[in-house]
């Protein structure tokens, strides 16, 4: 597999789970921060697949990420 075909692995800032950014519905915020879909849902977020957006977005209080 070529590098450009690989999904980029990211780490959930809340639980530490590794996710594939293009395969999983993670919630990206700030500079390089992500919540896995389970943590984003647990924080009140809802992914709208028809528009590919989080509406409402998850509550980010208490998270200390990069930037």
C-alpha atoms as a PDB file:
ATOM      1  CA  UNK A   1       0.000   0.000   0.000  1.00  0.00           C
ATOM      2  CA  UNK A   2       1.314   3.435  -0.885  1.00  0.00           C
ATOM      3  CA  UNK A   3       1.586   6.165   1.739  1.00  0.00           C
ATOM      4  CA  UNK A   4      -1.074   8.339   0.132  1.00  0.00           C
ATOM      5  CA  UNK A   5      -3.562   5.451   0.279  1.00  0.00           C
ATOM      6  CA  UNK A   6      -3.181   4.924   4.035  1.00  0.00           C
ATOM      7  CA  UNK A   7      -5.587   6.527   6.440  1.00  0.00           C
ATOM      8  CA  UNK A   8      -3.974   8.885   8.890  1.00  0.00           C
ATOM      9  CA  UNK A   9      -4.166   7.554  12.435  1.00  0.00           C
ATOM     10  CA  UNK A  10      -5.182  10.054  15.074  1.00  0.00           C
ATOM     11  CA  UNK A  11      -5.586   9.765  18.833  1.00  0.00           C
ATOM     12  CA  UNK A  12      -8.727  10.794  20.688  1.00  0.00           C
ATOM     13  CA  UNK A  13      -7.835  13.539  23.147  1.00  0.00           C
ATOM     14  CA  UNK A  14     -10.395  12.244  25.679  1.00  0.00           C
ATOM     15  CA  UNK A  15      -9.884   8.462  25.748  1.00  0.00           C
ATOM     16  CA  UNK A  16      -6.688   7.829  23.775  1.00  0.00           C
ATOM     17  CA  UNK A  17      -8.312   5.549  21.185  1.00  0.00           C
ATOM     18  CA  UNK A  18      -6.578   5.419  17.807  1.00  0.00           C
ATOM     19  CA  UNK A  19      -8.901   6.179  14.912  1.00  0.00           C
ATOM     20  CA  UNK A  20      -8.556   6.339  11.154  1.00  0.00           C
ATOM     21  CA  UNK A  21      -9.427   9.910  10.340  1.00  0.00           C
ATOM     22  CA  UNK A  22     -11.047   9.119   6.997  1.00  0.00           C
ATOM     23  CA  UNK A  23     -12.929   5.996   8.129  1.00  0.00           C
ATOM     24  CA  UNK A  24     -14.267   7.128  11.513  1.00  0.00           C
ATOM     25  CA  UNK A  25     -16.528  10.087  12.179  1.00  0.00           C
ATOM     26  CA  UNK A  26     -14.147  11.844  14.536  1.00  0.00           C
ATOM     27  CA  UNK A  27     -14.578  15.471  15.593  1.00  0.00           C
ATOM     28  CA  UNK A  28     -11.535  17.617  14.780  1.00  0.00           C
ATOM     29  CA  UNK A  29     -10.931  20.914  16.582  1.00  0.00           C
ATOM     30  CA  UNK A  30      -8.110  23.352  17.206  1.00  0.00           C
ATOM     31  CA  UNK A  31      -4.768  22.440  15.728  1.00  0.00           C
ATOM     32  CA  UNK A  32      -4.452  18.669  15.527  1.00  0.00           C
ATOM     33  CA  UNK A  33      -7.017  17.748  18.209  1.00  0.00           C
ATOM     34  CA  UNK A  34      -9.679  15.082  17.707  1.00  0.00           C
ATOM     35  CA  UNK A  35     -12.397  13.293  19.615  1.00  0.00           C
ATOM     36  CA  UNK A  36     -13.348   9.788  18.522  1.00  0.00           C
ATOM     37  CA  UNK A  37     -16.985   9.419  17.511  1.00  0.00           C
ATOM     38  CA  UNK A  38     -17.886   7.662  20.800  1.00  0.00           C
ATOM     39  CA  UNK A  39     -16.456  10.493  22.919  1.00  0.00           C
ATOM     40  CA  UNK A  40     -18.002  13.162  20.674  1.00  0.00           C
ATOM     41  CA  UNK A  41     -21.422  11.502  21.032  1.00  0.00           C
ATOM     42  CA  UNK A  42     -20.969  11.114  24.799  1.00  0.00           C
ATOM     43  CA  UNK A  43     -20.262  14.859  24.986  1.00  0.00           C
ATOM     44  CA  UNK A  44     -23.568  15.706  23.307  1.00  0.00           C
ATOM     45  CA  UNK A  45     -22.398  15.968  19.706  1.00  0.00           C
ATOM     46  CA  UNK A  46     -24.431  14.595  16.831  1.00  0.00           C
ATOM     47  CA  UNK A  47     -23.009  13.786  13.404  1.00  0.00           C
ATOM     48  CA  UNK A  48     -25.321  14.713  10.524  1.00  0.00           C
ATOM     49  CA  UNK A  49     -24.256  12.295   7.800  1.00  0.00           C
ATOM     50  CA  UNK A  50     -26.376  13.996   5.132  1.00  0.00           C
ATOM     51  CA  UNK A  51     -24.279  17.177   5.524  1.00  0.00           C
ATOM     52  CA  UNK A  52     -21.136  15.568   7.012  1.00  0.00           C
ATOM     53  CA  UNK A  53     -21.132  17.994   9.945  1.00  0.00           C
ATOM     54  CA  UNK A  54     -21.411  17.761  13.736  1.00  0.00           C
ATOM     55  CA  UNK A  55     -24.594  19.625  14.699  1.00  0.00           C
ATOM     56  CA  UNK A  56     -24.620  20.251  17.564  1.00  0.00           C
ATOM     57  CA  UNK A  57     -20.883  19.949  18.157  1.00  0.00           C
ATOM     58  CA  UNK A  58     -19.664  18.087  21.248  1.00  0.00           C
ATOM     59  CA  UNK A  59     -18.982  19.950  24.483  1.00  0.00           C
ATOM     60  CA  UNK A  60     -15.229  20.570  24.676  1.00  0.00           C
ATOM     61  CA  UNK A  61     -15.100  21.858  28.263  1.00  0.00           C
ATOM     62  CA  UNK A  62     -12.339  20.301  30.303  1.00  0.00           C
ATOM     63  CA  UNK A  63     -10.274  19.150  27.324  1.00  0.00           C
ATOM     64  CA  UNK A  64      -6.739  20.441  27.142  1.00  0.00           C
ATOM     65  CA  UNK A  65      -5.390  19.833  23.695  1.00  0.00           C
ATOM     66  CA  UNK A  66      -2.839  21.421  21.488  1.00  0.00           C
ATOM     67  CA  UNK A  67      -3.845  25.008  20.852  1.00  0.00           C
END
